[in-house]
Protein backbone atom coordinates (compact mmCIF):
# COMPACT_ATOMS: atom_id res chain seq x y z
CA MET A 1 -60.13 -4.22 -22.81
CA ASN A 2 -57.31 -3.01 -20.54
CA ALA A 3 -53.61 -2.84 -21.40
CA HIS A 4 -52.80 -6.00 -19.44
CA THR A 5 -55.39 -8.05 -21.32
CA MET A 6 -54.28 -6.61 -24.65
CA ALA A 7 -50.63 -7.43 -23.89
CA LYS A 8 -51.55 -10.95 -22.87
CA THR A 9 -53.50 -11.64 -26.06
CA ALA A 10 -51.48 -9.63 -28.57
CA TYR A 11 -49.12 -12.43 -29.48
CA SER A 12 -51.28 -15.42 -28.69
CA THR A 13 -52.60 -17.72 -31.35
CA PRO A 14 -56.34 -17.16 -31.80
CA GLY A 15 -58.34 -20.11 -30.58
CA GLN A 16 -55.51 -21.42 -28.41
CA PRO A 17 -56.39 -21.83 -24.73
CA THR A 18 -54.29 -19.99 -22.18
CA ARG A 19 -52.07 -22.56 -20.52
CA THR A 20 -51.18 -22.78 -16.87
CA ASP A 21 -47.58 -23.31 -15.78
CA ARG A 22 -48.41 -26.99 -15.25
CA GLY A 23 -50.00 -27.14 -18.69
CA THR A 24 -46.93 -25.61 -20.28
CA GLU A 25 -44.67 -28.07 -18.45
CA TYR A 26 -46.91 -30.92 -19.58
CA GLN A 27 -46.71 -29.78 -23.21
CA ILE A 28 -42.90 -29.55 -23.07
CA PHE A 29 -42.64 -33.03 -21.56
CA ALA A 30 -45.13 -34.39 -24.10
CA ARG A 31 -43.22 -32.94 -27.07
CA ILE A 32 -39.85 -34.22 -25.89
CA THR A 33 -41.20 -37.62 -24.86
CA HIS A 34 -42.87 -38.03 -28.24
CA ARG A 35 -39.54 -37.30 -29.96
CA LEU A 36 -37.74 -39.78 -27.69
CA LYS A 37 -40.31 -42.50 -28.45
CA ALA A 38 -40.26 -41.87 -32.19
CA ALA A 39 -36.47 -41.89 -32.39
CA ASN A 40 -36.20 -44.90 -30.09
CA THR A 41 -38.39 -47.02 -32.39
CA LEU A 42 -36.06 -46.40 -35.34
CA GLY A 43 -33.20 -48.38 -33.83
CA SER A 44 -29.68 -47.71 -35.09
CA ILE A 45 -30.85 -45.87 -38.20
CA GLY A 46 -32.46 -43.25 -35.97
CA PHE A 47 -29.44 -42.62 -33.78
CA SER A 48 -29.02 -38.99 -34.83
CA ALA A 49 -32.71 -38.29 -34.11
CA LEU A 50 -32.36 -40.08 -30.78
CA ALA A 51 -29.26 -38.04 -29.92
CA ARG A 52 -31.15 -34.81 -30.66
CA ALA A 53 -34.12 -35.93 -28.55
CA LEU A 54 -31.81 -36.99 -25.72
CA HIS A 55 -30.07 -33.62 -25.84
CA GLU A 56 -33.42 -31.83 -25.66
CA ASN A 57 -34.49 -34.06 -22.75
CA ARG A 58 -31.22 -33.44 -20.94
CA ARG A 59 -31.67 -29.67 -21.36
CA LEU A 60 -35.18 -29.91 -19.89
CA TRP A 61 -33.99 -31.86 -16.87
CA THR A 62 -31.01 -29.53 -16.37
CA ALA A 63 -33.41 -26.58 -16.32
CA LEU A 64 -35.64 -28.38 -13.82
CA ALA A 65 -32.64 -29.16 -11.58
CA SER A 66 -31.57 -25.53 -11.73
CA ASP A 67 -35.05 -24.37 -10.85
CA VAL A 68 -35.49 -26.66 -7.84
CA ALA A 69 -32.03 -25.73 -6.56
CA GLU A 70 -33.05 -22.08 -6.20
CA ASP A 71 -33.65 -20.92 -2.61
CA ASP A 72 -36.92 -19.24 -3.54
CA ASN A 73 -38.44 -22.33 -5.21
CA GLN A 74 -41.94 -22.86 -3.80
CA LEU A 75 -42.09 -26.67 -4.12
CA PRO A 76 -41.88 -28.78 -0.96
CA PRO A 77 -38.29 -29.75 -0.09
CA LEU A 78 -38.87 -33.49 -0.62
CA LEU A 79 -40.33 -32.95 -4.09
CA ARG A 80 -37.45 -30.63 -4.96
CA ALA A 81 -34.97 -33.31 -3.89
CA ARG A 82 -36.75 -35.98 -5.95
CA ILE A 83 -36.76 -33.80 -9.06
CA PHE A 84 -33.08 -33.03 -8.57
CA TYR A 85 -32.32 -36.75 -8.20
CA LEU A 86 -34.27 -37.54 -11.38
CA ALA A 87 -32.33 -34.84 -13.21
CA GLU A 88 -29.04 -36.38 -12.09
CA PHE A 89 -30.23 -39.87 -13.06
CA THR A 90 -31.43 -38.61 -16.45
CA ASN A 91 -28.08 -36.99 -17.13
CA GLN A 92 -26.13 -40.14 -16.25
CA HIS A 93 -28.47 -42.49 -18.08
CA THR A 94 -28.44 -40.29 -21.18
CA SER A 95 -24.66 -40.70 -21.32
CA LYS A 96 -25.12 -44.48 -21.20
CA VAL A 97 -27.69 -44.39 -24.01
CA LEU A 98 -25.41 -42.26 -26.18
CA ALA A 99 -22.55 -44.69 -25.53
CA GLY A 100 -24.75 -47.61 -26.59
CA ASP A 101 -24.74 -49.13 -23.10
CA ALA A 102 -28.45 -48.59 -22.36
CA THR A 103 -31.77 -47.82 -24.01
CA ALA A 104 -33.95 -44.73 -23.70
CA GLU A 105 -36.91 -46.70 -22.31
CA VAL A 106 -36.40 -45.67 -18.68
CA LEU A 107 -36.11 -42.00 -19.69
CA ILE A 108 -39.39 -42.30 -21.58
CA ASP A 109 -40.96 -43.96 -18.52
CA ILE A 110 -39.75 -41.18 -16.21
CA ASN A 111 -41.09 -38.46 -18.47
CA THR A 112 -44.41 -40.29 -18.82
CA ALA A 113 -44.72 -40.55 -15.03
CA ILE A 114 -44.03 -36.83 -14.69
CA MET A 115 -46.67 -36.10 -17.33
CA ARG A 116 -49.20 -38.19 -15.38
CA GLY A 117 -48.41 -36.18 -12.27
CA LEU A 118 -48.83 -32.90 -14.11
CA ARG A 119 -52.16 -34.09 -15.53
CA GLN A 120 -53.58 -35.06 -12.13
CA ASP A 121 -54.57 -31.47 -11.47
CA GLY A 122 -55.63 -30.70 -15.02
CA GLY A 123 -52.14 -29.74 -16.13
CA GLY A 124 -52.86 -30.28 -19.82
CA GLU A 125 -54.63 -26.96 -20.32
């Protein structure tokens, strides 16, 4: 076993598969989307949980927008633009949800669509 392999496995959980970048992105979206769905079903009594989930979702989309705005990003320009647009939409819609002027359903739908896209090429593992 060489040093690179040892470094890669030293802190991994035994039995856990090594994830690709797409797989990691899928897992992040899945975790956040699950929290959004769970909090959304609670109605007004779950507002604090919804606010936390919305904040986490907003942070994810802000990171994605930052990433696609970088000059050295390898994604095609049209896909980068679409992701940036979705990040802007998510930010604006999140404000509406927090103000009580909208629901989180469309944010859940967007995340679910992104997860489907990540899964198309086996992004789950």
